[in-house]
């Protein structure tokens, strides 16, 4: 893991975006990272209807998601808003 990119132990569900948000920090800059509900459902192999289910699946995949987000940050794969979106 690249120590220049740090992930806080924070995650939150955003129903408007249908995604879980989790922050990263690189060189003092805050980077908003998102993983879509659809991606989480694909990994879980089932529909996730409740926020608690969605966050539970996110938690079980957190280290893999941090690795994916780290790679996307290193590749500068930001969207138009300067965020990382997985899924």
PDB file of N, CA and C in Angstrom:
ATOM      1  N   UNK A   1       0.839  -1.185   0.000  1.00  0.00           N
ATOM      2  CA  UNK A   1       0.000   0.000   0.000  1.00  0.00           C
ATOM      3  C   UNK A   1       0.880   1.242   0.000  1.00  0.00           C
ATOM      4  N   UNK A   2       0.527   2.201  -0.761  1.00  0.00           N
ATOM      5  CA  UNK A   2       1.247   3.465  -0.849  1.00  0.00           C
ATOM      6  C   UNK A   2       0.909   4.297   0.377  1.00  0.00           C
ATOM      7  N   UNK A   3       1.906   4.609   1.197  1.00  0.00           N
ATOM      8  CA  UNK A   3       1.662   5.371   2.413  1.00  0.00           C
ATOM      9  C   UNK A   3       1.348   6.839   2.130  1.00  0.00           C
ATOM     10  N   UNK A   4       1.504   7.274   0.889  1.00  0.00           N
ATOM     11  CA  UNK A   4       1.163   8.649   0.541  1.00  0.00           C
ATOM     12  C   UNK A   4      -0.343   8.836   0.397  1.00  0.00           C
ATOM     13  N   UNK A   5      -1.078   7.740   0.290  1.00  0.00           N
ATOM     14  CA  UNK A   5      -2.532   7.791   0.198  1.00  0.00           C
ATOM     15  C   UNK A   5      -3.092   7.132   1.451  1.00  0.00           C
ATOM     16  N   UNK A   6      -3.850   7.901   2.204  1.00  0.00           N
ATOM     17  CA  UNK A   6      -4.411   7.413   3.456  1.00  0.00           C
ATOM     18  C   UNK A   6      -5.930   7.376   3.360  1.00  0.00           C
ATOM     19  N   UNK A   7      -6.520   6.349   3.944  1.00  0.00           N
ATOM     20  CA  UNK A   7      -7.970   6.208   3.977  1.00  0.00           C
ATOM     21  C   UNK A   7      -8.434   6.270   5.425  1.00  0.00           C
ATOM     22  N   UNK A   8      -9.384   7.144   5.690  1.00  0.00           N
ATOM     23  CA  UNK A   8      -9.980   7.221   7.022  1.00  0.00           C
ATOM     24  C   UNK A   8     -10.977   6.078   7.173  1.00  0.00           C
ATOM     25  N   UNK A   9     -11.224   5.680   8.397  1.00  0.00           N
ATOM     26  CA  UNK A   9     -12.193   4.616   8.656  1.00  0.00           C
ATOM     27  C   UNK A   9     -13.595   5.216   8.721  1.00  0.00           C
ATOM     28  N   UNK A  10     -13.978   5.850   7.610  1.00  0.00           N
ATOM     29  CA  UNK A  10     -15.272   6.522   7.495  1.00  0.00           C
ATOM     30  C   UNK A  10     -15.926   6.041   6.206  1.00  0.00           C
ATOM     31  N   UNK A  11     -17.212   5.744   6.289  1.00  0.00           N
ATOM     32  CA  UNK A  11     -17.996   5.406   5.112  1.00  0.00           C
ATOM     33  C   UNK A  11     -19.419   5.855   5.360  1.00  0.00           C
ATOM     34  N   UNK A  12     -20.104   6.216   4.292  1.00  0.00           N
ATOM     35  CA  UNK A  12     -21.481   6.680   4.433  1.00  0.00           C
ATOM     36  C   UNK A  12     -22.247   6.382   3.154  1.00  0.00           C
ATOM     37  N   UNK A  13     -23.526   6.108   3.324  1.00  0.00           N
ATOM     38  CA  UNK A  13     -24.423   5.829   2.207  1.00  0.00           C
ATOM     39  C   UNK A  13     -25.022   7.136   1.705  1.00  0.00           C
ATOM     40  N   UNK A  14     -25.016   7.330   0.388  1.00  0.00           N
ATOM     41  CA  UNK A  14     -25.639   8.495  -0.230  1.00  0.00           C
ATOM     42  C   UNK A  14     -26.735   7.965  -1.144  1.00  0.00           C
ATOM     43  N   UNK A  15     -27.981   8.117  -0.719  1.00  0.00           N
ATOM     44  CA  UNK A  15     -29.097   7.547  -1.481  1.00  0.00           C
ATOM     45  C   UNK A  15     -29.304   8.242  -2.829  1.00  0.00           C
ATOM     46  N   UNK A  16     -28.994   9.522  -2.921  1.00  0.00           N
ATOM     47  CA  UNK A  16     -29.132  10.222  -4.202  1.00  0.00           C
ATOM     48  C   UNK A  16     -28.165   9.667  -5.241  1.00  0.00           C
ATOM     49  N   UNK A  17     -26.945   9.392  -4.825  1.00  0.00           N
ATOM     50  CA  UNK A  17     -25.941   8.845  -5.739  1.00  0.00           C
ATOM     51  C   UNK A  17     -26.014   7.334  -5.861  1.00  0.00           C
ATOM     52  N   UNK A  18     -26.749   6.699  -4.945  1.00  0.00           N
ATOM     53  CA  UNK A  18     -26.803   5.242  -4.880  1.00  0.00           C
ATOM     54  C   UNK A  18     -25.379   4.680  -4.786  1.00  0.00           C
ATOM     55  N   UNK A  19     -24.631   5.248  -3.854  1.00  0.00           N
ATOM     56  CA  UNK A  19     -23.220   4.871  -3.698  1.00  0.00           C
ATOM     57  C   UNK A  19     -22.782   5.091  -2.253  1.00  0.00           C
ATOM     58  N   UNK A  20     -21.751   4.357  -1.881  1.00  0.00           N
ATOM     59  CA  UNK A  20     -21.107   4.537  -0.579  1.00  0.00           C
ATOM     60  C   UNK A  20     -19.902   5.441  -0.793  1.00  0.00           C
ATOM     61  N   UNK A  21     -19.796   6.459   0.035  1.00  0.00           N
ATOM     62  CA  UNK A  21     -18.664   7.371  -0.022  1.00  0.00           C
ATOM     63  C   UNK A  21     -17.639   7.019   1.036  1.00  0.00           C
ATOM     64  N   UNK A  22     -16.374   7.178   0.676  1.00  0.00           N
ATOM     65  CA  UNK A  22     -15.292   6.976   1.644  1.00  0.00           C
ATOM     66  C   UNK A  22     -14.140   7.887   1.245  1.00  0.00           C
ATOM     67  N   UNK A  23     -13.611   8.653   2.208  1.00  0.00           N
ATOM     68  CA  UNK A  23     -12.591   9.640   1.888  1.00  0.00           C
ATOM     69  C   UNK A  23     -11.178   9.064   1.856  1.00  0.00           C
ATOM     70  N   UNK A  24     -10.362   9.684   1.025  1.00  0.00           N
ATOM     71  CA  UNK A  24      -8.926   9.389   0.984  1.00  0.00           C
ATOM     72  C   UNK A  24      -8.195  10.722   1.093  1.00  0.00           C
ATOM     73  N   UNK A  25      -6.944  10.636   1.484  1.00  0.00           N
ATOM     74  CA  UNK A  25      -6.136  11.841   1.576  1.00  0.00           C
ATOM     75  C   UNK A  25      -4.781  11.553   0.937  1.00  0.00           C
ATOM     76  N   UNK A  26      -4.376  12.471   0.068  1.00  0.00           N
ATOM     77  CA  UNK A  26      -3.077  12.356  -0.591  1.00  0.00           C
ATOM     78  C   UNK A  26      -2.419  13.727  -0.551  1.00  0.00           C
ATOM     79  N   UNK A  27      -1.249  13.789   0.067  1.00  0.00           N
ATOM     80  CA  UNK A  27      -0.523  15.045   0.130  1.00  0.00           C
ATOM     81  C   UNK A  27      -1.335  16.175   0.742  1.00  0.00           C
ATOM     82  N   UNK A  28      -2.181  15.850   1.712  1.00  0.00           N
ATOM     83  CA  UNK A  28      -3.005  16.851   2.366  1.00  0.00           C
ATOM     84  C   UNK A  28      -4.301  17.163   1.643  1.00  0.00           C
ATOM     85  N   UNK A  29      -4.483  16.648   0.434  1.00  0.00           N
ATOM     86  CA  UNK A  29      -5.712  16.891  -0.328  1.00  0.00           C
ATOM     87  C   UNK A  29      -6.739  15.801  -0.026  1.00  0.00           C
ATOM     88  N   UNK A  30      -7.978  16.226   0.216  1.00  0.00           N
ATOM     89  CA  UNK A  30      -9.074  15.291   0.442  1.00  0.00           C
ATOM     90  C   UNK A  30      -9.623  14.839  -0.906  1.00  0.00           C
ATOM     91  N   UNK A  31      -9.757  13.534  -1.073  1.00  0.00           N
ATOM     92  CA  UNK A  31     -10.287  12.960  -2.302  1.00  0.00           C
ATOM     93  C   UNK A  31     -11.532  12.161  -1.939  1.00  0.00           C
ATOM     94  N   UNK A  32     -12.646  12.509  -2.565  1.00  0.00           N
ATOM     95  CA  UNK A  32     -13.894  11.787  -2.330  1.00  0.00           C
ATOM     96  C   UNK A  32     -13.915  10.557  -3.239  1.00  0.00           C
ATOM     97  N   UNK A  33     -14.086   9.403  -2.618  1.00  0.00           N
ATOM     98  CA  UNK A  33     -14.163   8.143  -3.358  1.00  0.00           C
ATOM     99  C   UNK A  33     -15.569   7.569  -3.171  1.00  0.00           C
ATOM    100  N   UNK A  34     -16.056   6.926  -4.216  1.00  0.00           N
ATOM    101  CA  UNK A  34     -17.400   6.353  -4.218  1.00  0.00           C
ATOM    102  C   UNK A  34     -17.353   4.960  -4.814  1.00  0.00           C
ATOM    103  N   UNK A  35     -18.187   4.075  -4.284  1.00  0.00           N
ATOM    104  CA  UNK A  35     -18.415   2.775  -4.911  1.00  0.00           C
ATOM    105  C   UNK A  35     -19.923   2.631  -5.056  1.00  0.00           C
ATOM    106  N   UNK A  36     -20.351   2.260  -6.251  1.00  0.00           N
ATOM    107  CA  UNK A  36     -21.780   2.213  -6.544  1.00  0.00           C
ATOM    108  C   UNK A  36     -22.458   1.009  -5.887  1.00  0.00           C
ATOM    109  N   UNK A  37     -23.717   1.192  -5.632  1.00  0.00           N
ATOM    110  CA  UNK A  37     -24.536   0.113  -5.083  1.00  0.00           C
ATOM    111  C   UNK A  37     -24.538  -1.072  -6.047  1.00  0.00           C
ATOM    112  N   UNK A  38     -24.635  -0.794  -7.339  1.00  0.00           N
ATOM    113  CA  UNK A  38     -24.654  -1.873  -8.336  1.00  0.00           C
ATOM    114  C   UNK A  38     -23.388  -2.714  -8.260  1.00  0.00           C
ATOM    115  N   UNK A  39     -22.235  -2.062  -8.076  1.00  0.00           N
ATOM    116  CA  UNK A  39     -20.974  -2.803  -7.979  1.00  0.00           C
ATOM    117  C   UNK A  39     -20.975  -3.675  -6.734  1.00  0.00           C
ATOM    118  N   UNK A  40     -21.425  -3.117  -5.616  1.00  0.00           N
ATOM    119  CA  UNK A  40     -21.491  -3.887  -4.368  1.00  0.00           C
ATOM    120  C   UNK A  40     -22.448  -5.067  -4.499  1.00  0.00           C
ATOM    121  N   UNK A  41     -23.588  -4.846  -5.165  1.00  0.00           N
ATOM    122  CA  UNK A  41     -24.536  -5.937  -5.373  1.00  0.00           C
ATOM    123  C   UNK A  41     -23.923  -7.036  -6.236  1.00  0.00           C
ATOM    124  N   UNK A  42     -23.156  -6.639  -7.244  1.00  0.00           N
ATOM    125  CA  UNK A  42     -22.480  -7.625  -8.083  1.00  0.00           C
ATOM    126  C   UNK A  42     -21.494  -8.464  -7.296  1.00  0.00           C
ATOM    127  N   UNK A  43     -20.769  -7.835  -6.402  1.00  0.00           N
ATOM    128  CA  UNK A  43     -19.808  -8.564  -5.567  1.00  0.00           C
ATOM    129  C   UNK A  43     -20.515  -9.463  -4.561  1.00  0.00           C
ATOM    130  N   UNK A  44     -21.645  -8.990  -4.032  1.00  0.00           N
ATOM    131  CA  UNK A  44     -22.398  -9.764  -3.046  1.00  0.00           C
ATOM    132  C   UNK A  44     -23.222 -10.873  -3.690  1.00  0.00           C
ATOM    133  N   UNK A  45     -23.523 -10.711  -4.992  1.00  0.00           N
ATOM    134  CA  UNK A  45     -24.326 -11.702  -5.688  1.00  0.00           C
ATOM    135  C   UNK A  45     -25.803 -11.646  -5.326  1.00  0.00           C
ATOM    136  N   UNK A  46     -26.230 -10.493  -4.839  1.00  0.00           N
ATOM    137  CA  UNK A  46     -27.638 -10.346  -4.452  1.00  0.00           C
ATOM    138  C   UNK A  46     -28.003  -8.869  -4.391  1.00  0.00           C
ATOM    139  N   UNK A  47     -29.306  -8.591  -4.356  1.00  0.00           N
ATOM    140  CA  UNK A  47     -29.780  -7.219  -4.196  1.00  0.00           C
ATOM    141  C   UNK A  47     -29.555  -6.774  -2.760  1.00  0.00           C
ATOM    142  N   UNK A  48     -29.166  -5.540  -2.622  1.00  0.00           N
ATOM    143  CA  UNK A  48     -28.957  -4.954  -1.299  1.00  0.00           C
ATOM    144  C   UNK A  48     -30.004  -3.856  -1.123  1.00  0.00           C
ATOM    145  N   UNK A  49     -30.996  -4.116  -0.289  1.00  0.00           N
ATOM    146  CA  UNK A  49     -32.121  -3.205  -0.154  1.00  0.00           C
ATOM    147  C   UNK A  49     -31.987  -2.221   1.002  1.00  0.00           C
ATOM    148  N   UNK A  50     -31.316  -2.617   2.040  1.00  0.00           N
ATOM    149  CA  UNK A  50     -31.207  -1.792   3.240  1.00  0.00           C
ATOM    150  C   UNK A  50     -29.833  -1.147   3.345  1.00  0.00           C
ATOM    151  N   UNK A  51     -29.805   0.076   3.880  1.00  0.00           N
ATOM    152  CA  UNK A  51     -28.534   0.770   4.076  1.00  0.00           C
ATOM    153  C   UNK A  51     -27.566  -0.064   4.909  1.00  0.00           C
ATOM    154  N   UNK A  52     -28.077  -0.735   5.924  1.00  0.00           N
ATOM    155  CA  UNK A  52     -27.205  -1.552   6.778  1.00  0.00           C
ATOM    156  C   UNK A  52     -26.569  -2.695   5.994  1.00  0.00           C
ATOM    157  N   UNK A  53     -27.311  -3.292   5.055  1.00  0.00           N
ATOM    158  CA  UNK A  53     -26.754  -4.357   4.205  1.00  0.00           C
ATOM    159  C   UNK A  53     -25.665  -3.808   3.292  1.00  0.00           C
ATOM    160  N   UNK A  54     -25.936  -2.657   2.713  1.00  0.00           N
ATOM    161  CA  UNK A  54     -24.990  -2.028   1.786  1.00  0.00           C
ATOM    162  C   UNK A  54     -23.685  -1.715   2.508  1.00  0.00           C
ATOM    163  N   UNK A  55     -23.788  -1.113   3.687  1.00  0.00           N
ATOM    164  CA  UNK A  55     -22.588  -0.757   4.448  1.00  0.00           C
ATOM    165  C   UNK A  55     -21.856  -1.995   4.961  1.00  0.00           C
ATOM    166  N   UNK A  56     -22.594  -3.054   5.256  1.00  0.00           N
ATOM    167  CA  UNK A  56     -21.969  -4.304   5.694  1.00  0.00           C
ATOM    168  C   UNK A  56     -21.137  -4.926   4.572  1.00  0.00           C
ATOM    169  N   UNK A  57     -21.689  -4.953   3.365  1.00  0.00           N
ATOM    170  CA  UNK A  57     -20.954  -5.479   2.214  1.00  0.00           C
ATOM    171  C   UNK A  57     -19.738  -4.588   1.939  1.00  0.00           C
ATOM    172  N   UNK A  58     -19.930  -3.276   2.005  1.00  0.00           N
ATOM    173  CA  UNK A  58     -18.797  -2.360   1.828  1.00  0.00           C
ATOM    174  C   UNK A  58     -17.690  -2.695   2.825  1.00  0.00           C
ATOM    175  N   UNK A  59     -18.057  -2.850   4.087  1.00  0.00           N
ATOM    176  CA  UNK A  59     -17.065  -3.138   5.129  1.00  0.00           C
ATOM    177  C   UNK A  59     -16.315  -4.436   4.853  1.00  0.00           C
ATOM    178  N   UNK A  60     -17.034  -5.438   4.372  1.00  0.00           N
ATOM    179  CA  UNK A  60     -16.379  -6.728   4.105  1.00  0.00           C
ATOM    180  C   UNK A  60     -15.409  -6.641   2.925  1.00  0.00           C
ATOM    181  N   UNK A  61     -15.593  -5.649   2.050  1.00  0.00           N
ATOM    182  CA  UNK A  61     -14.746  -5.473   0.867  1.00  0.00           C
ATOM    183  C   UNK A  61     -13.820  -4.265   0.978  1.00  0.00           C
ATOM    184  N   UNK A  62     -13.777  -3.646   2.146  1.00  0.00           N
ATOM    185  CA  UNK A  62     -13.084  -2.372   2.325  1.00  0.00           C
ATOM    186  C   UNK A  62     -11.636  -2.392   1.835  1.00  0.00           C
ATOM    187  N   UNK A  63     -10.861  -3.394   2.216  1.00  0.00           N
ATOM    188  CA  UNK A  63      -9.440  -3.410   1.837  1.00  0.00           C
ATOM    189  C   UNK A  63      -9.271  -3.514   0.322  1.00  0.00           C
ATOM    190  N   UNK A  64     -10.102  -4.323  -0.313  1.00  0.00           N
ATOM    191  CA  UNK A  64     -10.049  -4.425  -1.775  1.00  0.00           C
ATOM    192  C   UNK A  64     -10.452  -3.105  -2.425  1.00  0.00           C
ATOM    193  N   UNK A  65     -11.478  -2.457  -1.867  1.00  0.00           N
ATOM    194  CA  UNK A  65     -11.929  -1.168  -2.402  1.00  0.00           C
ATOM    195  C   UNK A  65     -10.864  -0.095  -2.236  1.00  0.00           C
ATOM    196  N   UNK A  66     -10.169  -0.108  -1.101  1.00  0.00           N
ATOM    197  CA  UNK A  66      -9.087   0.854  -0.897  1.00  0.00           C
ATOM    198  C   UNK A  66      -7.966   0.620  -1.905  1.00  0.00           C
ATOM    199  N   UNK A  67      -7.671  -0.640  -2.194  1.00  0.00           N
ATOM    200  CA  UNK A  67      -6.648  -0.940  -3.209  1.00  0.00           C
ATOM    201  C   UNK A  67      -7.073  -0.435  -4.584  1.00  0.00           C
ATOM    202  N   UNK A  68      -8.347  -0.659  -4.939  1.00  0.00           N
ATOM    203  CA  UNK A  68      -8.854  -0.184  -6.229  1.00  0.00           C
ATOM    204  C   UNK A  68      -8.842   1.339  -6.298  1.00  0.00           C
ATOM    205  N   UNK A  69      -9.265   1.987  -5.224  1.00  0.00           N
ATOM    206  CA  UNK A  69      -9.283   3.448  -5.188  1.00  0.00           C
ATOM    207  C   UNK A  69      -7.862   3.999  -5.255  1.00  0.00           C
ATOM    208  N   UNK A  70      -6.941   3.363  -4.542  1.00  0.00           N
ATOM    209  CA  UNK A  70      -5.539   3.796  -4.564  1.00  0.00           C
ATOM    210  C   UNK A  70      -4.981   3.734  -5.983  1.00  0.00           C
ATOM    211  N   UNK A  71      -5.246   2.634  -6.677  1.00  0.00           N
ATOM    212  CA  UNK A  71      -4.770   2.491  -8.053  1.00  0.00           C
ATOM    213  C   UNK A  71      -5.386   3.561  -8.952  1.00  0.00           C
ATOM    214  N   UNK A  72      -6.668   3.847  -8.762  1.00  0.00           N
ATOM    215  CA  UNK A  72      -7.337   4.869  -9.571  1.00  0.00           C
ATOM    216  C   UNK A  72      -6.758   6.257  -9.291  1.00  0.00           C
ATOM    217  N   UNK A  73      -6.437   6.531  -8.021  1.00  0.00           N
ATOM    218  CA  UNK A  73      -5.831   7.819  -7.670  1.00  0.00           C
ATOM    219  C   UNK A  73      -4.449   7.935  -8.305  1.00  0.00           C
ATOM    220  N   UNK A  74      -3.663   6.881  -8.204  1.00  0.00           N
ATOM    221  CA  UNK A  74      -2.317   6.890  -8.795  1.00  0.00           C
ATOM    222  C   UNK A  74      -2.370   7.059 -10.305  1.00  0.00           C
ATOM    223  N   UNK A  75      -3.421   6.494 -10.938  1.00  0.00           N
ATOM    224  CA  UNK A  75      -3.595   6.619 -12.391  1.00  0.00           C
ATOM    225  C   UNK A  75      -4.280   7.929 -12.774  1.00  0.00           C
ATOM    226  N   UNK A  76      -4.636   8.722 -11.757  1.00  0.00           N
ATOM    227  CA  UNK A  76      -5.337   9.991 -11.957  1.00  0.00           C
ATOM    228  C   UNK A  76      -6.644   9.805 -12.730  1.00  0.00           C
ATOM    229  N   UNK A  77      -7.388   8.768 -12.344  1.00  0.00           N
ATOM    230  CA  UNK A  77      -8.657   8.439 -12.995  1.00  0.00           C
ATOM    231  C   UNK A  77      -9.824   9.153 -12.318  1.00  0.00           C
ATOM    232  N   UNK A  78      -9.720  10.453 -12.194  1.00  0.00           N
ATOM    233  CA  UNK A  78     -10.751  11.244 -11.545  1.00  0.00           C
ATOM    234  C   UNK A  78     -11.870  11.562 -12.530  1.00  0.00           C
ATOM    235  N   UNK A  79     -13.102  11.687 -12.005  1.00  0.00           N
ATOM    236  CA  UNK A  79     -14.196  12.107 -12.866  1.00  0.00           C
ATOM    237  C   UNK A  79     -14.185  13.630 -13.000  1.00  0.00           C
ATOM    238  N   UNK A  80     -15.189  14.173 -13.627  1.00  0.00           N
ATOM    239  CA  UNK A  80     -15.231  15.621 -13.899  1.00  0.00           C
ATOM    240  C   UNK A  80     -15.279  16.441 -12.618  1.00  0.00           C
ATOM    241  N   UNK A  81     -15.742  15.863 -11.518  1.00  0.00           N
ATOM    242  CA  UNK A  81     -15.812  16.558 -10.248  1.00  0.00           C
ATOM    243  C   UNK A  81     -14.550  16.361  -9.401  1.00  0.00           C
ATOM    244  N   UNK A  82     -13.578  15.640  -9.954  1.00  0.00           N
ATOM    245  CA  UNK A  82     -12.343  15.378  -9.226  1.00  0.00           C
ATOM    246  C   UNK A  82     -12.465  14.265  -8.205  1.00  0.00           C
ATOM    247  N   UNK A  83     -13.437  13.392  -8.406  1.00  0.00           N
ATOM    248  CA  UNK A  83     -13.680  12.285  -7.493  1.00  0.00           C
ATOM    249  C   UNK A  83     -13.325  10.963  -8.153  1.00  0.00           C
ATOM    250  N   UNK A  84     -13.156   9.948  -7.331  1.00  0.00           N
ATOM    251  CA  UNK A  84     -12.922   8.586  -7.804  1.00  0.00           C
ATOM    252  C   UNK A  84     -14.225   7.824  -7.662  1.00  0.00           C
ATOM    253  N   UNK A  85     -14.684   7.215  -8.744  1.00  0.00           N
ATOM    254  CA  UNK A  85     -15.921   6.430  -8.718  1.00  0.00           C
ATOM    255  C   UNK A  85     -15.588   5.019  -9.171  1.00  0.00           C
ATOM    256  N   UNK A  86     -15.858   4.068  -8.295  1.00  0.00           N
ATOM    257  CA  UNK A  86     -15.635   2.656  -8.598  1.00  0.00           C
ATOM    258  C   UNK A  86     -16.989   2.020  -8.918  1.00  0.00           C
ATOM    259  N   UNK A  87     -17.027   1.279  -9.987  1.00  0.00           N
ATOM    260  CA  UNK A  87     -18.268   0.614 -10.376  1.00  0.00           C
ATOM    261  C   UNK A  87     -18.931   1.370 -11.414  1.00  0.00           C
TER     262      UNK A  87
END
